[in-house]
Amino acid sequence: MRIIPAIDIIDGKCVRLTKGDYSTKKIYNENPIEVAKEFEAAGIQYLHLVDLDGAKAQHVVNYKVLEQITSKTTLKIDFGGGLKTDEDLHIAFNSGAKQITGGSIAVKNAGIFEGWVNKYGGIKIILGADCNNEKIAVSGWQEESDMDVIPFITSYENKGIKYVICTDIAKDGMLQGPSFDLYKRILSETKDIKLIASGGVTSIDDLNVLEDLGCEAAIIGKALYEGHIKLKDLESHF
């Protein structure tokens, strides 16, 4: 199972939120490149980079941070937050992203998102399936839709999506463990989805359970920044 640390960006700084609430912002480092280099030095190969300003603004904002990290590290980055137009997508890929994650656009403008999947393939385009009470949330988690998360994922699997990042917003930043039951059901109701678990990962035990469930990868955020999981503890997972 791949281990993917997360860097969330507001005003060019590395931050974390709790349950996606912008008022809970905590700055961990003024310089995200330092954090990325620390991950790389520990043996990490992948990075989940989220433009939280972009998610709120509805267009890519912090692409310069993406450019800097991709030019100064070898990390393979999936980038999300504010990707709404073909131009946003071009900016992300031209700035060095290996994959992009589309969440809100897959709900609000399915035609554009499906066009991206058709053009770039289900490997480069990740479906962001972030949910609250198993309802898909959009616009930087500020709005809840009426779409149920599992049918949402299966509908896009039928359209060529391979990778899905699923975050249970109620678990995000809470350091209380992931939504194991939800991930188990997603994996049982899909055929070949590579499921990336996100939200609530707090311990190495959590990672072992996610791996046993069949998750392809796990994203770790606050647990790393708060010291619940140490980078050296992850070495056996690389």
C-alpha atoms as a PDB file:
ATOM      1  CA  MET A   1       0.000   0.000   0.000  1.00  0.00           C
ATOM      2  CA  ARG A   2       1.346   3.408  -0.967  1.00  0.00           C
ATOM      3  CA  ILE A   3       1.817   6.021   1.748  1.00  0.00           C
ATOM      4  CA  ILE A   4       0.951   9.555   0.639  1.00  0.00           C
ATOM      5  CA  PRO A   5       1.566  12.488   3.000  1.00  0.00           C
ATOM      6  CA  ALA A   6      -0.652  15.523   2.480  1.00  0.00           C
ATOM      7  CA  ILE A   7       0.313  19.162   2.201  1.00  0.00           C
ATOM      8  CA  ASP A   8      -2.594  21.605   2.255  1.00  0.00           C
ATOM      9  CA  ILE A   9      -1.860  25.151   1.103  1.00  0.00           C
ATOM     10  CA  ILE A  10      -3.385  28.459   2.197  1.00  0.00           C
ATOM     11  CA  ASP A  11      -1.548  31.711   1.351  1.00  0.00           C
ATOM     12  CA  GLY A  12       1.399  29.627   0.176  1.00  0.00           C
ATOM     13  CA  LYS A  13       1.810  28.045   3.634  1.00  0.00           C
ATOM     14  CA  CYS A  14       1.498  24.449   4.846  1.00  0.00           C
ATOM     15  CA  VAL A  15      -1.655  24.200   6.983  1.00  0.00           C
ATOM     16  CA  ARG A  16      -4.180  21.702   8.290  1.00  0.00           C
ATOM     17  CA  LEU A  17      -7.897  22.117   8.874  1.00  0.00           C
ATOM     18  CA  THR A  18     -10.303  20.112  11.021  1.00  0.00           C
ATOM     19  CA  LYS A  19     -13.290  18.662   9.142  1.00  0.00           C
ATOM     20  CA  GLY A  20     -12.519  21.057   6.283  1.00  0.00           C
ATOM     21  CA  ASP A  21     -13.424  24.098   8.405  1.00  0.00           C
ATOM     22  CA  TYR A  22     -11.273  27.044   7.266  1.00  0.00           C
ATOM     23  CA  SER A  23     -11.702  28.745  10.659  1.00  0.00           C
ATOM     24  CA  THR A  24      -9.702  25.892  12.258  1.00  0.00           C
ATOM     25  CA  LYS A  25      -6.611  26.628  10.136  1.00  0.00           C
ATOM     26  CA  LYS A  26      -3.318  25.765  11.817  1.00  0.00           C
ATOM     27  CA  ILE A  27      -0.053  26.720  10.128  1.00  0.00           C
ATOM     28  CA  TYR A  28       2.638  24.043  10.401  1.00  0.00           C
ATOM     29  CA  ASN A  29       5.277  25.552   8.156  1.00  0.00           C
ATOM     30  CA  GLU A  30       5.607  28.815   6.257  1.00  0.00           C
ATOM     31  CA  ASN A  31       7.539  26.969   3.547  1.00  0.00           C
ATOM     32  CA  PRO A  32       5.850  23.868   2.024  1.00  0.00           C
ATOM     33  CA  ILE A  33       9.027  23.046   0.066  1.00  0.00           C
ATOM     34  CA  GLU A  34      10.853  22.376   3.346  1.00  0.00           C
ATOM     35  CA  VAL A  35       8.111  19.924   4.327  1.00  0.00           C
ATOM     36  CA  ALA A  36       8.203  18.216   0.925  1.00  0.00           C
ATOM     37  CA  LYS A  37      11.997  17.855   1.103  1.00  0.00           C
ATOM     38  CA  GLU A  38      11.693  16.332   4.580  1.00  0.00           C
ATOM     39  CA  PHE A  39       9.238  13.766   3.216  1.00  0.00           C
ATOM     40  CA  GLU A  40      11.537  12.990   0.297  1.00  0.00           C
ATOM     41  CA  ALA A  41      14.570  12.601   2.569  1.00  0.00           C
ATOM     42  CA  ALA A  42      12.639  10.030   4.637  1.00  0.00           C
ATOM     43  CA  GLY A  43      11.990   7.879   1.562  1.00  0.00           C
ATOM     44  CA  ILE A  44       8.507   9.115   0.688  1.00  0.00           C
ATOM     45  CA  GLN A  45       7.792   8.978  -3.060  1.00  0.00           C
ATOM     46  CA  TYR A  46       4.291  10.446  -3.299  1.00  0.00           C
ATOM     47  CA  LEU A  47       2.570  13.641  -2.196  1.00  0.00           C
ATOM     48  CA  HIS A  48      -1.054  14.764  -2.023  1.00  0.00           C
ATOM     49  CA  LEU A  49      -1.028  18.543  -2.560  1.00  0.00           C
ATOM     50  CA  VAL A  50      -4.247  20.484  -2.002  1.00  0.00           C
ATOM     51  CA  ASP A  51      -4.784  24.107  -2.989  1.00  0.00           C
ATOM     52  CA  LEU A  52      -7.299  25.151  -0.327  1.00  0.00           C
ATOM     53  CA  ASP A  53      -7.337  28.727  -1.627  1.00  0.00           C
ATOM     54  CA  GLY A  54      -8.171  27.285  -5.037  1.00  0.00           C
ATOM     55  CA  ALA A  55     -10.966  25.136  -3.625  1.00  0.00           C
ATOM     56  CA  LYS A  56     -12.587  28.251  -2.155  1.00  0.00           C
ATOM     57  CA  ALA A  57     -11.886  30.498  -5.152  1.00  0.00           C
ATOM     58  CA  GLN A  58     -13.112  27.912  -7.704  1.00  0.00           C
ATOM     59  CA  HIS A  59      -9.901  28.132  -9.724  1.00  0.00           C
ATOM     60  CA  VAL A  60      -6.254  27.128  -9.231  1.00  0.00           C
ATOM     61  CA  VAL A  61      -4.374  29.617  -7.027  1.00  0.00           C
ATOM     62  CA  ASN A  62      -1.240  28.055  -5.530  1.00  0.00           C
ATOM     63  CA  TYR A  63       0.251  26.486  -8.658  1.00  0.00           C
ATOM     64  CA  LYS A  64       3.614  28.153  -7.927  1.00  0.00           C
ATOM     65  CA  VAL A  65       3.953  25.946  -4.839  1.00  0.00           C
ATOM     66  CA  LEU A  66       3.332  22.914  -7.049  1.00  0.00           C
ATOM     67  CA  GLU A  67       5.974  24.143  -9.507  1.00  0.00           C
ATOM     68  CA  GLN A  68       8.525  24.664  -6.745  1.00  0.00           C
ATOM     69  CA  ILE A  69       8.003  21.249  -5.170  1.00  0.00           C
ATOM     70  CA  THR A  70       8.115  19.389  -8.485  1.00  0.00           C
ATOM     71  CA  SER A  71      11.251  21.251  -9.572  1.00  0.00           C
ATOM     72  CA  LYS A  72      13.117  20.737  -6.281  1.00  0.00           C
ATOM     73  CA  THR A  73      12.065  17.171  -5.359  1.00  0.00           C
ATOM     74  CA  THR A  74      11.371  13.884  -7.125  1.00  0.00           C
ATOM     75  CA  LEU A  75       7.995  13.458  -5.394  1.00  0.00           C
ATOM     76  CA  LYS A  76       5.137  12.254  -7.587  1.00  0.00           C
ATOM     77  CA  ILE A  77       2.331  14.697  -6.855  1.00  0.00           C
ATOM     78  CA  ASP A  78      -1.412  14.417  -7.172  1.00  0.00           C
ATOM     79  CA  PHE A  79      -2.852  17.918  -7.095  1.00  0.00           C
ATOM     80  CA  GLY A  80      -6.356  19.089  -6.244  1.00  0.00           C
ATOM     81  CA  GLY A  81      -8.300  22.152  -5.234  1.00  0.00           C
ATOM     82  CA  GLY A  82     -10.039  24.553  -7.587  1.00  0.00           C
ATOM     83  CA  LEU A  83      -9.689  22.553 -10.794  1.00  0.00           C
ATOM     84  CA  LYS A  84     -12.740  23.714 -12.722  1.00  0.00           C
ATOM     85  CA  THR A  85     -11.676  24.412 -16.315  1.00  0.00           C
ATOM     86  CA  ASP A  86      -9.428  23.009 -19.021  1.00  0.00           C
ATOM     87  CA  GLU A  87      -7.072  25.921 -18.304  1.00  0.00           C
ATOM     88  CA  ASP A  88      -6.845  24.914 -14.617  1.00  0.00           C
ATOM     89  CA  LEU A  89      -5.978  21.396 -15.718  1.00  0.00           C
ATOM     90  CA  HIS A  90      -3.282  22.622 -18.091  1.00  0.00           C
ATOM     91  CA  ILE A  91      -1.780  24.780 -15.322  1.00  0.00           C
ATOM     92  CA  ALA A  92      -1.642  21.788 -12.954  1.00  0.00           C
ATOM     93  CA  PHE A  93      -0.026  19.419 -15.437  1.00  0.00           C
ATOM     94  CA  ASN A  94       2.335  22.099 -16.783  1.00  0.00           C
ATOM     95  CA  SER A  95       3.377  22.831 -13.192  1.00  0.00           C
ATOM     96  CA  GLY A  96       4.438  19.211 -12.746  1.00  0.00           C
ATOM     97  CA  ALA A  97       1.479  17.310 -11.328  1.00  0.00           C
ATOM     98  CA  LYS A  98       1.510  13.599 -12.201  1.00  0.00           C
ATOM     99  CA  GLN A  99      -2.191  13.260 -11.407  1.00  0.00           C
ATOM    100  CA  ILE A 100      -4.995  15.688 -10.635  1.00  0.00           C
ATOM    101  CA  THR A 101      -7.987  15.170  -8.382  1.00  0.00           C
ATOM    102  CA  GLY A 102     -11.420  16.423  -9.381  1.00  0.00           C
ATOM    103  CA  GLY A 103     -14.180  16.458  -6.811  1.00  0.00           C
ATOM    104  CA  SER A 104     -16.654  19.320  -7.092  1.00  0.00           C
ATOM    105  CA  ILE A 105     -16.401  19.432 -10.876  1.00  0.00           C
ATOM    106  CA  ALA A 106     -17.338  15.741 -11.093  1.00  0.00           C
ATOM    107  CA  VAL A 107     -20.621  16.728  -9.415  1.00  0.00           C
ATOM    108  CA  LYS A 108     -21.300  20.180 -10.804  1.00  0.00           C
ATOM    109  CA  ASN A 109     -19.944  19.844 -14.328  1.00  0.00           C
ATOM    110  CA  ALA A 110     -19.768  16.146 -15.100  1.00  0.00           C
ATOM    111  CA  GLY A 111     -19.381  16.821 -18.823  1.00  0.00           C
ATOM    112  CA  ILE A 112     -16.046  18.594 -18.399  1.00  0.00           C
ATOM    113  CA  PHE A 113     -14.787  16.011 -15.908  1.00  0.00           C
ATOM    114  CA  GLU A 114     -15.760  13.092 -18.147  1.00  0.00           C
ATOM    115  CA  GLY A 115     -13.967  14.855 -20.986  1.00  0.00           C
ATOM    116  CA  TRP A 116     -10.807  14.948 -18.870  1.00  0.00           C
ATOM    117  CA  VAL A 117     -11.106  11.224 -18.145  1.00  0.00           C
ATOM    118  CA  ASN A 118     -11.565  10.496 -21.843  1.00  0.00           C
ATOM    119  CA  LYS A 119      -8.627  12.704 -22.866  1.00  0.00           C
ATOM    120  CA  TYR A 120      -6.078  11.904 -20.160  1.00  0.00           C
ATOM    121  CA  GLY A 121      -7.277   8.489 -18.968  1.00  0.00           C
ATOM    122  CA  GLY A 122      -8.372   7.104 -15.653  1.00  0.00           C
ATOM    123  CA  ILE A 123      -4.793   6.892 -14.389  1.00  0.00           C
ATOM    124  CA  LYS A 124      -4.004  10.623 -14.547  1.00  0.00           C
ATOM    125  CA  ILE A 125      -7.450  11.813 -13.418  1.00  0.00           C
ATOM    126  CA  ILE A 126      -8.432  10.888  -9.846  1.00  0.00           C
ATOM    127  CA  LEU A 127     -12.018  11.084  -8.643  1.00  0.00           C
ATOM    128  CA  GLY A 128     -12.345  12.970  -5.368  1.00  0.00           C
ATOM    129  CA  ALA A 129     -15.216  11.400  -3.439  1.00  0.00           C
ATOM    130  CA  ASP A 130     -15.343  13.435  -0.233  1.00  0.00           C
ATOM    131  CA  CYS A 131     -18.416  12.823   1.837  1.00  0.00           C
ATOM    132  CA  ASN A 132     -20.286  13.772   4.985  1.00  0.00           C
ATOM    133  CA  ASN A 133     -22.851  11.272   6.251  1.00  0.00           C
ATOM    134  CA  GLU A 134     -22.060   9.432   2.998  1.00  0.00           C
ATOM    135  CA  LYS A 135     -23.302  12.385   0.922  1.00  0.00           C
ATOM    136  CA  ILE A 136     -20.803  13.882  -1.510  1.00  0.00           C
ATOM    137  CA  ALA A 137     -19.554  17.317  -0.409  1.00  0.00           C
ATOM    138  CA  VAL A 138     -18.362  19.992  -2.837  1.00  0.00           C
ATOM    139  CA  SER A 139     -16.828  23.493  -3.002  1.00  0.00           C
ATOM    140  CA  GLY A 140     -14.047  22.885  -0.520  1.00  0.00           C
ATOM    141  CA  TRP A 141     -16.481  20.845   1.592  1.00  0.00           C
ATOM    142  CA  GLN A 142     -18.599  23.949   2.148  1.00  0.00           C
ATOM    143  CA  GLU A 143     -21.652  22.405   0.445  1.00  0.00           C
ATOM    144  CA  GLU A 144     -23.287  18.987   0.697  1.00  0.00           C
ATOM    145  CA  SER A 145     -24.901  17.436  -2.370  1.00  0.00           C
ATOM    146  CA  ASP A 146     -27.706  14.875  -2.519  1.00  0.00           C
ATOM    147  CA  MET A 147     -25.426  12.240  -4.096  1.00  0.00           C
ATOM    148  CA  ASP A 148     -24.624   9.073  -2.166  1.00  0.00           C
ATOM    149  CA  VAL A 149     -20.912   8.316  -2.173  1.00  0.00           C
ATOM    150  CA  ILE A 150     -20.942   4.672  -3.327  1.00  0.00           C
ATOM    151  CA  PRO A 151     -23.259   5.124  -6.354  1.00  0.00           C
ATOM    152  CA  PHE A 152     -21.217   8.242  -7.200  1.00  0.00           C
ATOM    153  CA  ILE A 153     -18.026   6.173  -7.293  1.00  0.00           C
ATOM    154  CA  THR A 154     -19.545   3.251  -9.203  1.00  0.00           C
ATOM    155  CA  SER A 155     -21.009   5.590 -11.835  1.00  0.00           C
ATOM    156  CA  TYR A 156     -17.558   7.021 -12.532  1.00  0.00           C
ATOM    157  CA  GLU A 157     -15.924   3.610 -12.464  1.00  0.00           C
ATOM    158  CA  ASN A 158     -18.210   2.770 -15.383  1.00  0.00           C
ATOM    159  CA  LYS A 159     -16.873   5.882 -17.160  1.00  0.00           C
ATOM    160  CA  GLY A 160     -13.220   4.877 -16.855  1.00  0.00           C
ATOM    161  CA  ILE A 161     -12.062   6.195 -13.468  1.00  0.00           C
ATOM    162  CA  LYS A 162      -9.426   3.972 -11.815  1.00  0.00           C
ATOM    163  CA  TYR A 163      -8.275   5.982  -8.802  1.00  0.00           C
ATOM    164  CA  VAL A 164     -10.591   7.337  -6.097  1.00  0.00           C
ATOM    165  CA  ILE A 165      -9.641   9.412  -3.072  1.00  0.00           C
ATOM    166  CA  CYS A 166     -12.388   9.030  -0.503  1.00  0.00           C
ATOM    167  CA  THR A 167     -12.390  11.273   2.556  1.00  0.00           C
ATOM    168  CA  ASP A 168     -14.966  10.969   5.315  1.00  0.00           C
ATOM    169  CA  ILE A 169     -15.103  14.629   6.354  1.00  0.00           C
ATOM    170  CA  ALA A 170     -16.314  13.758   9.853  1.00  0.00           C
ATOM    171  CA  LYS A 171     -13.021  11.910  10.390  1.00  0.00           C
ATOM    172  CA  ASP A 172     -10.702  14.439   8.774  1.00  0.00           C
ATOM    173  CA  GLY A 173      -8.254  15.999  11.214  1.00  0.00           C
ATOM    174  CA  MET A 174      -9.914  14.359  14.200  1.00  0.00           C
ATOM    175  CA  LEU A 175      -7.156  11.777  14.864  1.00  0.00           C
ATOM    176  CA  GLN A 176      -9.803   9.183  15.726  1.00  0.00           C
ATOM    177  CA  GLY A 177      -9.225   6.612  12.988  1.00  0.00           C
ATOM    178  CA  PRO A 178     -10.509   6.227   9.412  1.00  0.00           C
ATOM    179  CA  SER A 179     -13.912   5.068   8.146  1.00  0.00           C
ATOM    180  CA  PHE A 180     -12.997   1.409   7.794  1.00  0.00           C
ATOM    181  CA  ASP A 181     -16.599   0.237   7.271  1.00  0.00           C
ATOM    182  CA  LEU A 182     -17.185   2.721   4.458  1.00  0.00           C
ATOM    183  CA  TYR A 183     -13.986   1.714   2.662  1.00  0.00           C
ATOM    184  CA  LYS A 184     -14.853  -1.964   3.044  1.00  0.00           C
ATOM    185  CA  ARG A 185     -18.242  -1.365   1.406  1.00  0.00           C
ATOM    186  CA  ILE A 186     -16.745   0.711  -1.410  1.00  0.00           C
ATOM    187  CA  LEU A 187     -14.264  -2.045  -2.220  1.00  0.00           C
ATOM    188  CA  SER A 188     -16.953  -4.711  -2.100  1.00  0.00           C
ATOM    189  CA  GLU A 189     -19.256  -2.772  -4.454  1.00  0.00           C
ATOM    190  CA  THR A 190     -16.648  -1.787  -7.062  1.00  0.00           C
ATOM    191  CA  LYS A 191     -14.674  -3.979  -9.432  1.00  0.00           C
ATOM    192  CA  ASP A 192     -11.204  -2.541 -10.052  1.00  0.00           C
ATOM    193  CA  ILE A 193     -11.110   0.791  -8.213  1.00  0.00           C
ATOM    194  CA  LYS A 194      -7.775   1.725  -6.653  1.00  0.00           C
ATOM    195  CA  LEU A 195      -9.078   3.216  -3.417  1.00  0.00           C
ATOM    196  CA  ILE A 196      -7.027   5.876  -1.648  1.00  0.00           C
ATOM    197  CA  ALA A 197      -8.187   6.250   1.952  1.00  0.00           C
ATOM    198  CA  SER A 198      -8.076   9.754   3.392  1.00  0.00           C
ATOM    199  CA  GLY A 199      -9.149  11.226   6.708  1.00  0.00           C
ATOM    200  CA  GLY A 200      -8.559  10.067  10.252  1.00  0.00           C
ATOM    201  CA  VAL A 201      -5.388   7.995   9.801  1.00  0.00           C
ATOM    202  CA  THR A 202      -3.810   8.219  13.253  1.00  0.00           C
ATOM    203  CA  SER A 203      -1.544   5.214  13.784  1.00  0.00           C
ATOM    204  CA  ILE A 204       0.471   2.502  12.086  1.00  0.00           C
ATOM    205  CA  ASP A 205      -2.301   0.098  13.121  1.00  0.00           C
ATOM    206  CA  ASP A 206      -4.749   2.166  11.043  1.00  0.00           C
ATOM    207  CA  LEU A 207      -2.469   1.749   8.035  1.00  0.00           C
ATOM    208  CA  ASN A 208      -2.259  -2.008   8.566  1.00  0.00           C
ATOM    209  CA  VAL A 209      -6.061  -2.300   8.678  1.00  0.00           C
ATOM    210  CA  LEU A 210      -6.454  -0.207   5.506  1.00  0.00           C
ATOM    211  CA  GLU A 211      -3.908  -2.393   3.747  1.00  0.00           C
ATOM    212  CA  ASP A 212      -5.721  -5.549   4.864  1.00  0.00           C
ATOM    213  CA  LEU A 213      -8.998  -4.111   3.531  1.00  0.00           C
ATOM    214  CA  GLY A 214      -7.401  -3.718   0.111  1.00  0.00           C
ATOM    215  CA  CYS A 215      -6.865   0.044  -0.088  1.00  0.00           C
ATOM    216  CA  GLU A 216      -4.308   0.925  -2.765  1.00  0.00           C
ATOM    217  CA  ALA A 217      -2.968   3.886  -0.777  1.00  0.00           C
ATOM    218  CA  ALA A 218      -3.523   5.953   2.356  1.00  0.00           C
ATOM    219  CA  ILE A 219      -3.158   9.701   2.787  1.00  0.00           C
ATOM    220  CA  ILE A 220      -1.727  10.939   6.088  1.00  0.00           C
ATOM    221  CA  GLY A 221      -2.021  14.532   7.243  1.00  0.00           C
ATOM    222  CA  LYS A 222      -2.394  15.759  10.788  1.00  0.00           C
ATOM    223  CA  ALA A 223      -1.047  12.538  12.339  1.00  0.00           C
ATOM    224  CA  LEU A 224       2.343  13.301  10.774  1.00  0.00           C
ATOM    225  CA  TYR A 225       2.316  16.973  11.689  1.00  0.00           C
ATOM    226  CA  GLU A 226       1.244  16.303  15.271  1.00  0.00           C
ATOM    227  CA  GLY A 227       3.744  13.465  15.752  1.00  0.00           C
ATOM    228  CA  HIS A 228       1.264  10.587  16.157  1.00  0.00           C
ATOM    229  CA  ILE A 229       3.041   8.874  13.262  1.00  0.00           C
ATOM    230  CA  LYS A 230       6.771   9.393  12.743  1.00  0.00           C
ATOM    231  CA  LEU A 231       8.300   9.305   9.276  1.00  0.00           C
ATOM    232  CA  LYS A 232      10.788   6.645  10.411  1.00  0.00           C
ATOM    233  CA  ASP A 233       7.856   4.442  11.512  1.00  0.00           C
ATOM    234  CA  LEU A 234       6.666   4.379   7.898  1.00  0.00           C
ATOM    235  CA  GLU A 235       9.842   2.866   6.461  1.00  0.00           C
ATOM    236  CA  SER A 236       8.444  -0.674   6.448  1.00  0.00           C
ATOM    237  CA  HIS A 237       5.577   0.560   4.240  1.00  0.00           C
ATOM    238  CA  PHE A 238       7.759   2.007   1.478  1.00  0.00           C
END
